[in-house]
């Protein structure tokens, strides 16, 4: 127990000792966020929370590996799920793929394959690309997915020519991915 709270500031100790419910921590670079998260995980385990009920998500594999090694040092042998948001969502989507019209053996398109799929969807939608390039259309659709905007919603929200074109391509792109039993990186977050 002492190792969990050792070398923490008072504010960090307060965050680490918080047990019941979620907690939002706002802190700048280098302020010890990873330390607080990993020490909080160790404290949760020490307080009786089963490790399999804890998920620690971050943006990069490097950060996930760093968290894993720190938790292992504080709470050796505990199987806490740690990884990236995309990996977590991909695993969750595999379990519940049928809920979004996919099979559990769906493919995740890399950037190059997604770009090719987008070009096919643009051709199939018969839109002119004189006001928006394929990359701009893809960016508009990506932004929509990241805001959890469906193709139907985007059609009603298109405010500029680029988004109007993207709104026509989006449902075709989505259907082509579903038909191919595939998702792009944005879908991993969108479908969950």
Protein backbone atom coordinates (compact mmCIF):
# COMPACT_ATOMS: atom_id res chain seq x y z
CA UNK A 1 0.00 0.00 0.00
CA UNK A 2 2.80 2.45 0.85
CA UNK A 3 4.42 1.94 -2.57
CA UNK A 4 1.18 2.96 -4.27
CA UNK A 5 1.13 6.40 -2.61
CA UNK A 6 4.88 6.94 -2.33
CA UNK A 7 6.30 9.90 -4.29
CA UNK A 8 2.86 11.32 -5.20
CA UNK A 9 1.77 14.91 -4.69
CA UNK A 10 -1.32 15.60 -2.59
CA UNK A 11 -3.45 16.10 -5.71
CA UNK A 12 -2.14 12.85 -7.20
CA UNK A 13 -2.84 10.99 -3.93
CA UNK A 14 -6.41 12.30 -4.00
CA UNK A 15 -6.91 11.01 -7.56
CA UNK A 16 -5.26 7.65 -6.84
CA UNK A 17 -7.38 7.09 -3.72
CA UNK A 18 -10.66 7.80 -5.56
CA UNK A 19 -12.46 4.44 -5.75
CA UNK A 20 -16.16 4.94 -6.46
CA UNK A 21 -17.10 5.85 -10.01
CA UNK A 22 -15.33 7.66 -12.78
CA UNK A 23 -13.04 10.62 -12.33
CA UNK A 24 -11.94 13.28 -14.79
CA UNK A 25 -8.38 14.47 -14.45
CA UNK A 26 -7.26 17.52 -16.40
CA UNK A 27 -3.50 17.91 -16.49
CA UNK A 28 -0.84 19.16 -18.84
CA UNK A 29 2.12 17.34 -20.37
CA UNK A 30 4.64 15.99 -17.88
CA UNK A 31 2.32 16.41 -14.90
CA UNK A 32 2.21 12.71 -14.00
CA UNK A 33 -1.04 11.52 -15.64
CA UNK A 34 0.35 8.07 -16.44
CA UNK A 35 1.69 7.77 -12.90
CA UNK A 36 -1.74 8.66 -11.49
CA UNK A 37 -3.56 6.19 -13.76
CA UNK A 38 -1.20 3.31 -13.03
CA UNK A 39 -1.13 3.97 -9.30
CA UNK A 40 -4.93 4.26 -9.28
CA UNK A 41 -5.19 0.87 -11.02
CA UNK A 42 -2.88 -0.65 -8.37
CA UNK A 43 -4.96 0.95 -5.62
CA UNK A 44 -8.23 -0.33 -7.12
CA UNK A 45 -6.80 -3.86 -7.14
CA UNK A 46 -5.51 -3.40 -3.59
CA UNK A 47 -9.01 -2.28 -2.55
CA UNK A 48 -10.54 -5.48 -3.96
CA UNK A 49 -11.62 -4.52 -7.48
CA UNK A 50 -11.05 -7.59 -9.69
CA UNK A 51 -8.34 -6.84 -12.29
CA UNK A 52 -10.50 -8.21 -15.12
CA UNK A 53 -13.02 -5.42 -14.42
CA UNK A 54 -10.43 -2.72 -15.14
CA UNK A 55 -9.63 -1.40 -18.61
CA UNK A 56 -6.93 1.19 -19.20
CA UNK A 57 -7.06 2.77 -22.65
CA UNK A 58 -4.65 5.10 -24.35
CA UNK A 59 -3.85 6.31 -27.86
CA UNK A 60 -0.58 4.54 -28.67
CA UNK A 61 0.89 1.08 -28.22
CA UNK A 62 3.96 2.68 -26.65
CA UNK A 63 1.87 4.36 -23.96
CA UNK A 64 -0.06 1.12 -23.32
CA UNK A 65 3.20 -0.79 -22.92
CA UNK A 66 4.50 1.86 -20.51
CA UNK A 67 1.31 1.64 -18.42
CA UNK A 68 1.49 -2.16 -18.42
CA UNK A 69 5.07 -2.19 -17.13
CA UNK A 70 4.27 0.35 -14.41
CA UNK A 71 1.20 -1.59 -13.23
CA UNK A 72 3.26 -4.82 -13.25
CA UNK A 73 5.77 -3.14 -10.96
CA UNK A 74 3.04 -2.00 -8.52
CA UNK A 75 0.70 -5.01 -8.78
CA UNK A 76 2.65 -7.96 -10.20
CA UNK A 77 0.78 -10.72 -12.00
CA UNK A 78 -2.54 -8.89 -12.28
CA UNK A 79 -4.31 -9.24 -15.63
CA UNK A 80 -5.62 -5.73 -16.25
CA UNK A 81 -6.68 -5.07 -19.85
CA UNK A 82 -4.49 -2.32 -21.26
CA UNK A 83 -4.25 -1.19 -24.84
CA UNK A 84 -5.23 1.40 -27.40
CA UNK A 85 -8.76 2.67 -27.95
CA UNK A 86 -8.76 1.17 -31.45
CA UNK A 87 -7.59 -2.26 -30.29
CA UNK A 88 -10.15 -2.32 -27.48
CA UNK A 89 -12.94 -1.34 -29.88
CA UNK A 90 -11.80 -3.92 -32.46
CA UNK A 91 -11.99 -6.69 -29.86
CA UNK A 92 -15.36 -5.53 -28.60
CA UNK A 93 -16.66 -5.25 -32.15
CA UNK A 94 -15.52 -8.82 -32.89
CA UNK A 95 -17.74 -10.04 -30.05
CA UNK A 96 -20.75 -8.00 -31.17
CA UNK A 97 -20.18 -7.68 -34.92
CA UNK A 98 -23.66 -8.93 -35.83
CA UNK A 99 -25.20 -5.93 -34.07
CA UNK A 100 -23.80 -3.64 -36.79
CA UNK A 101 -24.25 -5.99 -39.73
CA UNK A 102 -20.79 -7.59 -39.74
CA UNK A 103 -19.44 -11.09 -39.19
CA UNK A 104 -16.94 -11.59 -36.38
CA UNK A 105 -14.20 -12.28 -38.94
CA UNK A 106 -14.49 -8.78 -40.44
CA UNK A 107 -11.43 -7.10 -41.96
CA UNK A 108 -9.92 -3.83 -40.83
CA UNK A 109 -8.87 -1.82 -43.85
CA UNK A 110 -5.52 -0.09 -43.67
CA UNK A 111 -5.24 3.48 -44.94
CA UNK A 112 -4.40 2.42 -48.48
CA UNK A 113 -7.30 -0.04 -48.76
CA UNK A 114 -9.72 2.47 -47.24
CA UNK A 115 -8.59 5.04 -49.81
CA UNK A 116 -9.28 2.59 -52.64
CA UNK A 117 -12.70 1.75 -51.18
CA UNK A 118 -13.47 5.46 -50.97
CA UNK A 119 -12.54 5.96 -54.64
CA UNK A 120 -14.89 3.11 -55.61
CA UNK A 121 -17.68 4.66 -53.55
CA UNK A 122 -17.12 8.05 -55.19
CA UNK A 123 -17.36 6.44 -58.62
CA UNK A 124 -20.48 4.50 -57.64
CA UNK A 125 -22.15 7.63 -56.27
CA UNK A 126 -21.57 9.44 -59.57
CA UNK A 127 -20.59 12.73 -57.93
CA UNK A 128 -18.33 15.33 -59.44
CA UNK A 129 -15.01 15.82 -57.68
CA UNK A 130 -14.53 19.32 -59.08
CA UNK A 131 -15.50 20.87 -55.71
CA UNK A 132 -13.98 18.22 -53.45
CA UNK A 133 -11.08 15.82 -53.93
CA UNK A 134 -11.36 12.18 -52.83
CA UNK A 135 -9.14 13.01 -49.84
CA UNK A 136 -11.42 15.91 -48.85
CA UNK A 137 -14.49 13.69 -49.16
CA UNK A 138 -12.78 11.02 -47.03
CA UNK A 139 -11.87 13.65 -44.44
CA UNK A 140 -15.47 14.90 -44.25
CA UNK A 141 -16.75 11.36 -43.76
CA UNK A 142 -14.06 10.67 -41.17
CA UNK A 143 -15.04 13.80 -39.23
CA UNK A 144 -18.68 12.74 -39.39
CA UNK A 145 -17.88 9.27 -38.04
CA UNK A 146 -15.77 10.74 -35.25
CA UNK A 147 -18.77 12.86 -34.23
CA UNK A 148 -20.97 9.69 -34.45
CA UNK A 149 -22.89 11.17 -37.38
CA UNK A 150 -24.59 8.53 -39.53
CA UNK A 151 -24.98 8.89 -43.31
CA UNK A 152 -28.62 9.87 -42.79
CA UNK A 153 -27.70 12.54 -40.26
CA UNK A 154 -24.90 13.91 -42.44
CA UNK A 155 -27.29 14.45 -45.32
CA UNK A 156 -29.29 16.85 -43.17
CA UNK A 157 -26.21 18.59 -41.76
CA UNK A 158 -24.22 19.28 -44.93
CA UNK A 159 -23.41 22.99 -44.85
CA UNK A 160 -20.86 23.38 -47.64
CA UNK A 161 -20.34 21.88 -51.11
CA UNK A 162 -17.67 19.44 -49.89
CA UNK A 163 -19.93 18.06 -47.14
CA UNK A 164 -22.86 17.87 -49.55
CA UNK A 165 -20.78 15.70 -51.87
CA UNK A 166 -19.48 13.63 -48.92
CA UNK A 167 -23.07 13.13 -47.71
CA UNK A 168 -23.90 11.50 -51.06
CA UNK A 169 -20.82 9.25 -50.95
CA UNK A 170 -21.03 8.26 -47.27
CA UNK A 171 -24.00 5.82 -47.48
CA UNK A 172 -22.48 4.10 -50.52
CA UNK A 173 -19.08 3.84 -48.83
CA UNK A 174 -20.72 2.46 -45.69
CA UNK A 175 -22.70 -0.12 -47.66
CA UNK A 176 -19.65 -1.20 -49.64
CA UNK A 177 -17.73 -1.78 -46.40
CA UNK A 178 -20.61 -3.76 -44.88
CA UNK A 179 -20.94 -5.85 -48.06
CA UNK A 180 -17.20 -6.57 -47.92
CA UNK A 181 -17.44 -7.37 -44.18
CA UNK A 182 -14.88 -4.64 -43.53
CA UNK A 183 -14.38 -1.53 -41.44
CA UNK A 184 -12.00 1.40 -41.57
CA UNK A 185 -10.24 2.80 -38.49
CA UNK A 186 -13.00 5.35 -37.84
CA UNK A 187 -15.59 2.55 -37.86
CA UNK A 188 -13.83 0.87 -34.94
CA UNK A 189 -14.84 3.80 -32.74
CA UNK A 190 -18.10 4.59 -34.56
CA UNK A 191 -19.63 1.12 -34.27
CA UNK A 192 -18.91 0.86 -30.56
